Protein backbone atom coordinates (compact mmCIF):
# COMPACT_ATOMS: atom_id res chain seq x y z
CA PHE A 1 128.62 128.78 44.83
CA VAL A 2 131.75 129.38 42.71
CA PHE A 3 135.13 129.94 44.36
CA ASP A 4 137.21 132.73 42.90
CA LEU A 5 140.72 132.76 44.38
CA SER A 6 142.34 134.72 41.55
CA ASP A 7 142.77 137.81 43.72
CA VAL A 8 144.13 135.92 46.76
CA PRO A 9 147.91 135.85 47.38
CA PRO A 10 149.63 132.50 48.17
CA GLN A 11 149.11 131.22 51.73
CA SER A 12 150.96 128.63 53.74
CA PRO A 13 149.12 125.30 54.25
CA ILE A 14 147.50 124.86 57.66
CA PRO A 15 148.83 121.73 59.37
CA LYS A 16 146.38 119.79 61.50
CA ARG A 17 146.92 119.65 65.25
CA LYS A 18 148.30 116.32 66.44
CA CYS A 19 144.99 115.38 68.07
CA TYR A 20 143.27 115.48 64.64
CA MET A 21 145.84 113.38 62.76
CA ARG A 22 144.65 109.96 61.57
CA GLU A 23 146.43 107.26 59.66
CA GLY A 24 145.95 107.63 55.88
CA ALA A 25 144.33 111.08 56.18
CA SER A 26 145.81 114.42 55.12
CA LYS A 27 148.15 116.21 57.47
CA TYR A 28 146.57 119.52 56.43
CA THR A 29 143.34 121.18 57.59
CA GLY A 30 140.50 121.22 55.03
CA VAL A 31 142.03 118.50 52.84
CA SER A 32 140.88 114.91 52.32
CA PHE A 33 141.56 112.15 49.78
CA PHE A 34 138.68 111.50 47.36
CA GLN A 35 139.02 107.83 46.36
CA GLN A 36 136.48 107.91 43.49
CA ARG A 37 138.58 110.49 41.66
CA ASN A 38 141.92 109.37 43.10
CA GLU A 39 142.64 113.01 43.94
CA TRP A 40 142.95 115.29 46.96
CA ALA A 41 139.92 117.47 47.68
CA ALA A 42 139.91 120.85 49.44
CA GLN A 43 136.63 121.92 51.04
CA ILE A 44 135.42 124.66 53.38
CA MET A 45 132.31 125.43 55.46
CA ILE A 46 130.61 128.74 54.57
CA GLU A 47 127.31 129.71 56.23
CA SER A 48 126.97 126.18 57.61
CA LYS A 49 127.27 124.59 54.16
CA ARG A 50 130.17 122.50 52.89
CA HIS A 51 131.67 123.69 49.60
CA ILE A 52 134.26 121.99 47.41
CA ILE A 53 137.12 124.33 46.52
CA GLY A 54 138.65 121.92 44.04
CA TYR A 55 140.36 118.58 43.31
CA TYR A 56 144.15 118.27 43.09
CA GLU A 57 146.88 115.79 42.19
CA SER A 58 149.02 117.27 44.98
CA GLU A 59 148.05 117.28 48.68
CA GLU A 60 150.11 120.45 49.23
CA GLU A 61 148.41 122.29 46.35
CA ALA A 62 145.00 121.45 47.84
CA ALA A 63 146.16 122.69 51.25
CA VAL A 64 147.41 125.97 49.81
CA ASP A 65 144.05 126.66 48.13
CA TYR A 66 142.19 125.83 51.33
CA ALA A 67 144.38 128.37 53.17
CA ARG A 68 143.66 130.93 50.43
CA ALA A 69 139.91 130.30 50.76
CA ILE A 70 140.14 130.77 54.53
CA PHE A 71 142.04 134.02 53.98
CA LYS A 72 139.39 135.35 51.56
CA TYR A 73 136.13 134.07 53.04
CA LYS A 74 136.92 133.88 56.74
CA GLY A 75 139.58 136.53 57.17
CA GLY A 76 142.69 134.62 58.27
CA VAL A 77 144.17 131.34 59.47
CA TYR A 78 145.79 132.01 62.84
CA GLN A 79 143.02 130.65 65.06
CA GLN A 80 142.77 127.38 63.15
CA SER A 81 146.50 126.75 63.02
CA PHE A 82 147.10 127.34 66.74
CA GLU A 83 148.56 124.27 68.42
CA VAL A 84 149.18 123.73 72.13
CA ASP A 85 152.87 122.83 72.38
CA LEU A 86 153.98 121.19 75.64
CA THR A 87 157.39 119.88 74.54
CA ASP A 88 159.30 122.20 76.88
CA VAL A 89 156.95 121.88 79.89
CA PRO A 90 157.98 119.77 82.91
CA PRO A 91 155.58 117.10 84.27
CA GLN A 92 152.78 118.37 86.54
CA PRO A 93 150.51 116.36 88.86
CA PRO A 94 146.85 116.21 87.71
CA ILE A 95 144.34 118.53 89.42
CA LEU A 96 141.56 116.60 91.13
CA LYS A 97 138.08 118.14 91.01
CA ARG A 98 136.23 118.89 94.23
CA GLU A 99 133.73 116.20 95.16
CA GLY A 100 130.74 118.42 94.41
CA ARG A 101 131.91 119.03 90.83
CA ILE A 102 132.22 115.35 89.90
CA LYS A 103 129.17 114.02 88.06
CA ASP A 104 128.36 110.46 87.05
CA GLY A 105 130.44 109.37 84.05
CA THR A 106 132.66 112.48 84.01
CA SER A 107 136.35 112.77 84.77
CA LYS A 108 137.55 113.28 88.32
CA TYR A 109 140.22 115.64 86.96
CA LEU A 110 140.00 119.31 85.97
CA GLY A 111 140.05 120.07 82.22
CA VAL A 112 139.32 116.49 81.16
CA SER A 113 136.23 115.00 79.47
CA PHE A 114 135.41 111.79 77.61
CA ASP A 115 134.79 111.97 73.85
CA ILE A 116 132.30 109.21 73.01
CA THR A 117 132.85 109.52 69.24
CA LYS A 118 136.58 108.78 69.58
CA ASN A 119 136.25 106.59 72.69
CA LYS A 120 139.11 108.55 74.27
CA TRP A 121 139.73 111.09 77.00
CA GLN A 122 140.25 114.63 75.73
CA THR A 123 141.60 117.74 77.38
CA GLN A 124 141.28 121.37 76.38
CA ILE A 125 142.13 124.81 77.77
CA SER A 126 140.83 128.35 77.17
CA ILE A 127 143.50 130.66 75.75
CA GLY A 128 142.61 134.19 74.71
CA GLY A 129 138.92 133.47 75.30
CA LYS A 130 138.91 130.46 72.93
CA LYS A 131 138.94 126.76 73.78
CA ARG A 132 142.07 125.03 72.50
CA ARG A 133 142.26 121.25 72.34
CA ILE A 134 145.41 119.81 73.92
CA GLY A 135 144.89 116.23 72.73
CA TYR A 136 143.18 112.85 72.95
CA TYR A 137 144.38 110.13 75.32
CA GLU A 138 143.77 106.49 76.18
CA SER A 139 144.52 107.31 79.82
CA GLU A 140 142.46 109.75 81.92
CA GLU A 141 145.50 110.47 84.13
CA GLU A 142 147.73 111.27 81.12
CA ALA A 143 145.12 113.72 79.82
CA ALA A 144 144.89 115.38 83.26
CA ALA A 145 148.66 115.70 83.56
CA ASP A 146 148.82 117.47 80.16
CA TYR A 147 146.04 119.86 81.19
CA ALA A 148 148.07 120.83 84.26
CA ARG A 149 151.16 121.32 82.04
CA ALA A 150 149.17 123.53 79.63
CA LEU A 151 147.81 125.58 82.54
CA PHE A 152 151.38 126.04 83.82
CA LYS A 153 152.70 127.13 80.40
CA TYR A 154 149.92 129.38 79.12
CA LYS A 155 148.55 130.85 82.38
CA GLY A 156 151.48 130.62 84.78
CA GLN A 157 152.39 129.07 88.11
CA GLY A 158 149.92 131.34 89.93
CA ALA A 159 146.94 130.03 87.93
CA LEU A 160 148.06 126.45 88.50
CA GLU A 161 148.35 126.96 92.26
CA LYS A 162 144.97 128.75 92.36
CA ALA A 163 143.29 125.84 90.55
CA ARG A 164 144.79 123.38 93.03
CA LYS A 165 143.67 125.50 96.00
CA GLN A 166 140.13 125.96 94.70
CA ASN A 167 139.74 122.23 94.14
CA SER A 168 141.46 121.03 97.29
CA PHE A 169 139.69 119.94 100.45
CA VAL A 170 140.43 121.18 103.95
CA ASP A 171 142.25 118.62 106.09
CA LEU A 172 140.68 118.25 109.56
CA ALA A 173 142.27 114.94 110.54
CA ASP A 174 144.07 116.41 113.58
CA VAL A 175 141.23 118.67 114.81
CA PRO A 176 139.10 117.73 117.87
CA PRO A 177 135.26 118.01 117.73
CA GLN A 178 133.84 121.54 118.03
CA LEU A 179 130.36 122.85 118.70
CA PRO A 180 128.46 124.17 115.64
CA ILE A 181 128.38 127.96 115.30
CA PRO A 182 124.78 129.21 115.06
CA LYS A 183 124.14 132.29 112.94
CA SER A 184 123.02 135.45 114.69
CA ALA A 185 119.31 136.22 114.32
CA GLY A 186 119.94 138.94 111.69
CA GLN A 187 121.77 136.48 109.42
CA MET A 188 118.99 133.87 109.31
CA LYS A 189 117.09 133.53 106.02
CA GLU A 190 114.19 131.25 105.15
CA GLY A 191 115.39 127.92 103.75
CA ALA A 192 119.02 128.60 104.60
CA SER A 193 121.15 126.88 107.23
CA LYS A 194 120.93 128.08 110.80
CA TYR A 195 124.70 127.56 111.13
CA ALA A 196 127.59 129.77 110.03
CA GLY A 197 129.62 128.53 107.04
CA ILE A 198 126.90 126.17 105.80
CA TYR A 199 124.64 126.25 102.73
CA PHE A 200 122.52 123.73 100.85
CA ARG A 201 123.79 122.74 97.42
CA LYS A 202 120.85 121.85 95.16
CA GLU A 203 122.98 120.09 92.53
CA THR A 204 124.24 117.48 94.99
CA LYS A 205 121.26 117.70 97.37
CA LYS A 206 123.72 117.95 100.24
CA TRP A 207 124.85 120.50 102.82
CA ALA A 208 128.16 122.16 101.98
CA ALA A 209 130.64 123.60 104.46
CA GLN A 210 133.16 126.18 103.28
CA ILE A 211 135.65 128.56 104.85
CA ARG A 212 137.79 131.43 103.59
CA ILE A 213 141.54 130.82 104.03
CA ASP A 214 144.06 133.45 102.91
CA GLY A 215 141.37 135.22 100.90
CA THR A 216 140.31 132.08 98.99
CA LYS A 217 137.08 130.15 99.55
CA ARG A 218 137.81 126.51 100.34
CA ILE A 219 135.31 123.66 100.40
CA ILE A 220 135.48 121.62 103.59
CA GLY A 221 133.09 118.94 102.38
CA TYR A 222 129.56 117.88 101.44
CA TYR A 223 127.24 116.26 103.99
CA GLU A 224 123.85 114.56 104.26
CA ASP A 225 123.44 116.09 107.73
CA GLU A 226 123.38 119.86 108.37
CA GLU A 227 124.74 119.49 111.92
CA GLU A 228 127.65 117.33 110.75
CA ALA A 229 128.57 120.00 108.20
CA ALA A 230 128.35 122.68 110.92
CA VAL A 231 130.64 120.71 113.25
CA ASP A 232 133.31 120.44 110.52
CA TYR A 233 133.03 124.16 109.76
CA ALA A 234 133.64 124.89 113.45
CA ARG A 235 136.65 122.54 113.38
CA ALA A 236 138.03 124.36 110.32
CA VAL A 237 137.58 127.73 112.09
CA PHE A 238 139.42 126.31 115.10
CA LYS A 239 142.33 125.07 112.93
CA TYR A 240 142.75 127.76 110.28
CA ASN A 241 141.57 130.82 112.22
CA LYS A 242 143.40 129.55 115.31
CA GLY A 243 140.23 129.41 117.35
CA ARG A 244 139.32 133.02 116.61
CA GLY A 245 135.95 134.01 115.29
CA ALA A 246 133.90 131.06 116.51
CA HIS A 247 132.66 132.67 119.74
CA GLN A 248 132.18 136.02 117.96
CA GLN A 249 129.89 134.50 115.34
CA SER A 250 127.94 132.38 117.81
CA LEU A 251 127.38 135.14 120.38
CA LEU A 252 123.74 136.21 120.54
CA VAL A 253 122.96 139.34 122.55
CA ASP A 254 120.36 138.36 125.15
CA LEU A 255 118.30 141.31 126.41
CA ASN A 256 115.48 139.36 128.11
CA ASP A 257 116.33 140.59 131.63
CA VAL A 258 117.22 144.18 130.70
CA PRO A 259 114.75 147.01 131.50
CA PRO A 260 113.84 149.56 128.76
CA GLN A 261 116.40 152.30 128.14
CA SER A 262 116.17 155.62 126.32
CA PRO A 263 117.91 155.78 122.88
CA ILE A 264 121.29 157.54 122.80
CA PRO A 265 121.23 160.38 120.25
CA LYS A 266 124.41 161.16 118.33
CA SER A 267 126.03 164.55 118.75
CA ALA A 268 125.13 166.95 115.93
CA GLY A 269 128.58 166.74 114.29
CA ARG A 270 128.39 162.95 113.93
CA ILE A 271 125.08 162.78 112.06
CA LYS A 272 125.50 162.19 108.31
CA GLU A 273 122.82 162.41 105.63
CA GLY A 274 120.87 159.14 105.37
CA ALA A 275 122.41 157.73 108.57
CA SER A 276 120.69 157.11 111.90
CA LYS A 277 120.53 159.90 114.46
CA TYR A 278 121.10 157.28 117.19
CA LYS A 279 124.32 155.65 118.36
CA GLY A 280 124.89 151.98 117.43
CA VAL A 281 122.23 152.01 114.73
CA CYS A 282 122.61 151.74 110.94
CA PHE A 283 120.36 150.82 108.00
CA ASN A 284 120.94 147.42 106.39
CA ARG A 285 119.97 147.68 102.71
CA LYS A 286 120.03 143.92 102.12
CA SER A 287 117.37 143.25 104.75
CA ASN A 288 115.78 146.70 104.30
CA LYS A 289 115.74 147.09 108.09
CA TRP A 290 117.45 149.07 110.83
CA GLN A 291 120.07 147.09 112.73
CA ALA A 292 121.72 147.65 116.11
CA GLU A 293 125.16 146.37 117.04
CA VAL A 294 127.56 146.70 119.93
CA ASN A 295 131.24 145.93 120.47
CA ILE A 296 131.84 143.33 123.19
CA GLU A 297 135.40 142.67 124.37
């Protein structure tokens, strides 16, 4: 493979991001010092193979030719030269992950992972659909704080608050015990919980309780015991829905002592195509069955 850069206009060198800078190495992307020749080498990956562009007395000259090769063979330099700049961003508290998202050996903070090759914590963020590295850190907490700052700068206060909400737990410290809320018969599915607000999480092999607050799903906690999870869901309903909804969800219509009654047909003007001709009846596509419901209170 022979590089021909004769038709390529001059390009500015591509400085490395701070996280890639090492003592004694080049400050430019694609450039390294070749000790055997006592010269700077510029090289590029094309179709998964490493190719030498050339050897140079000057580090800057090597960097310029690397940028020219990028321009010709890969169509530009912007993506590689992008650097996350947090110099003007105020400190932000780290964002703790929810308990169910923390795995053995991983970080307890959002946006942070451990790089075994560098023996450091690293943090990165998606910007414009591409992952951008923020940096490498000795401290897990420092990495997490910079992720929160990057989220604030590049995605806004709303995204930061949403991340905190989604990963925060519901506080039930001041809520008295409540009875679990059983699902109505029509909501029961094989293998699922018999209680409202509860599901089994296979990854953790635990029961999870969650509730919707202000339009956002919030995890209440993870439990070994299904009933314990159901009790905490009922407590969360009591606190955040101000006691509403619990009796409505747990109410089962008992018709054991009621004699048979004739169906109530709808008046002609109220019958729509595909709908039931009887009052209080509709077709549930999910269960592929007819369902009957009634308003009480």
